């Protein structure tokens, strides 16, 4: 289930961000961007933030934000997700 974080900016601002907490929370569009835009930071793709916006987040919040995406290192879960989606991608 996605989680909503309120990230603090270095300028004192705050911004709510909805983040996936598992591969099942990632949209097909995000998955496509993750695989076709290797030069775009994953944090940008999954949060709809620009690199400039990410640079303005307080370091402790940015670290917490990145830790929320720890599931992305679980390749086994990704393989299961892709196995589920691939038949639909081919119209079966």
Protein backbone atom coordinates (compact mmCIF):
# COMPACT_ATOMS: atom_id res chain seq x y z
CA UNK A 1 0.00 0.00 0.00
CA UNK A 2 1.45 3.40 -0.94
CA UNK A 3 2.44 5.74 1.85
CA UNK A 4 2.20 9.51 1.99
CA UNK A 5 5.20 11.40 3.33
CA UNK A 6 5.46 15.10 4.01
CA UNK A 7 8.97 16.09 3.01
CA UNK A 8 10.61 19.22 4.41
CA UNK A 9 12.53 21.48 2.09
CA UNK A 10 15.78 23.22 2.87
CA UNK A 11 13.86 26.50 2.44
CA UNK A 12 11.34 25.60 5.17
CA UNK A 13 8.63 24.48 2.75
CA UNK A 14 6.91 21.11 2.92
CA UNK A 15 5.52 18.84 0.25
CA UNK A 16 3.33 15.73 0.49
CA UNK A 17 4.55 12.85 -1.68
CA UNK A 18 2.81 9.51 -2.26
CA UNK A 19 5.34 6.70 -2.51
CA UNK A 20 5.00 3.04 -3.41
CA UNK A 21 6.10 0.62 -0.69
CA UNK A 22 6.12 -2.52 -2.83
CA UNK A 23 6.40 -3.48 -6.50
CA UNK A 24 2.60 -3.95 -6.55
CA UNK A 25 2.15 -0.24 -5.82
CA UNK A 26 4.07 0.84 -8.91
CA UNK A 27 1.94 1.79 -11.88
CA UNK A 28 2.56 0.36 -15.34
CA UNK A 29 3.61 3.85 -16.46
CA UNK A 30 6.18 4.09 -13.67
CA UNK A 31 7.48 0.61 -14.47
CA UNK A 32 7.88 1.57 -18.12
CA UNK A 33 9.71 4.76 -17.18
CA UNK A 34 12.00 2.83 -14.81
CA UNK A 35 13.02 0.53 -17.64
CA UNK A 36 13.19 3.06 -20.49
CA UNK A 37 14.65 6.09 -18.70
CA UNK A 38 17.83 4.77 -17.07
CA UNK A 39 19.26 8.29 -16.64
CA UNK A 40 16.25 9.58 -14.71
CA UNK A 41 16.64 9.07 -10.94
CA UNK A 42 14.24 6.46 -9.58
CA UNK A 43 13.19 8.85 -6.82
CA UNK A 44 12.02 11.30 -9.50
CA UNK A 45 10.02 8.68 -11.39
CA UNK A 46 8.31 7.30 -8.31
CA UNK A 47 7.54 10.65 -6.70
CA UNK A 48 6.82 12.85 -9.74
CA UNK A 49 9.49 15.25 -8.51
CA UNK A 50 12.20 16.87 -10.60
CA UNK A 51 15.89 16.47 -9.72
CA UNK A 52 15.86 20.14 -8.71
CA UNK A 53 12.99 19.53 -6.27
CA UNK A 54 14.80 16.52 -4.81
CA UNK A 55 17.91 18.65 -4.28
CA UNK A 56 15.88 21.03 -2.10
CA UNK A 57 14.71 18.31 0.34
CA UNK A 58 16.29 18.28 3.79
CA UNK A 59 18.92 15.49 3.88
CA UNK A 60 17.28 13.53 6.74
CA UNK A 61 13.94 13.53 4.88
CA UNK A 62 15.65 12.54 1.64
CA UNK A 63 17.34 9.61 3.38
CA UNK A 64 14.02 8.47 4.87
CA UNK A 65 12.39 8.88 1.46
CA UNK A 66 15.06 6.72 -0.18
CA UNK A 67 14.74 4.05 2.54
CA UNK A 68 11.02 3.75 1.78
CA UNK A 69 12.02 2.43 -1.64
CA UNK A 70 14.17 -0.37 -0.23
CA UNK A 71 11.77 -2.91 -1.75
CA UNK A 72 13.25 -2.06 -5.15
CA UNK A 73 16.34 -4.10 -4.31
CA UNK A 74 14.16 -7.23 -4.06
CA UNK A 75 14.59 -8.69 -7.54
CA UNK A 76 12.55 -11.78 -6.67
CA UNK A 77 9.43 -9.69 -6.08
CA UNK A 78 10.02 -7.84 -9.33
CA UNK A 79 10.32 -11.12 -11.23
CA UNK A 80 7.00 -12.28 -9.75
CA UNK A 81 5.33 -9.00 -10.74
CA UNK A 82 6.63 -9.18 -14.29
CA UNK A 83 5.54 -12.81 -14.60
CA UNK A 84 2.05 -11.68 -13.61
CA UNK A 85 1.93 -8.74 -16.06
CA UNK A 86 3.60 -10.27 -19.12
CA UNK A 87 0.62 -12.38 -20.26
CA UNK A 88 -1.56 -9.25 -20.21
CA UNK A 89 1.04 -7.26 -22.15
CA UNK A 90 0.79 -9.78 -24.99
CA UNK A 91 -3.02 -9.72 -25.06
CA UNK A 92 -3.49 -13.19 -23.61
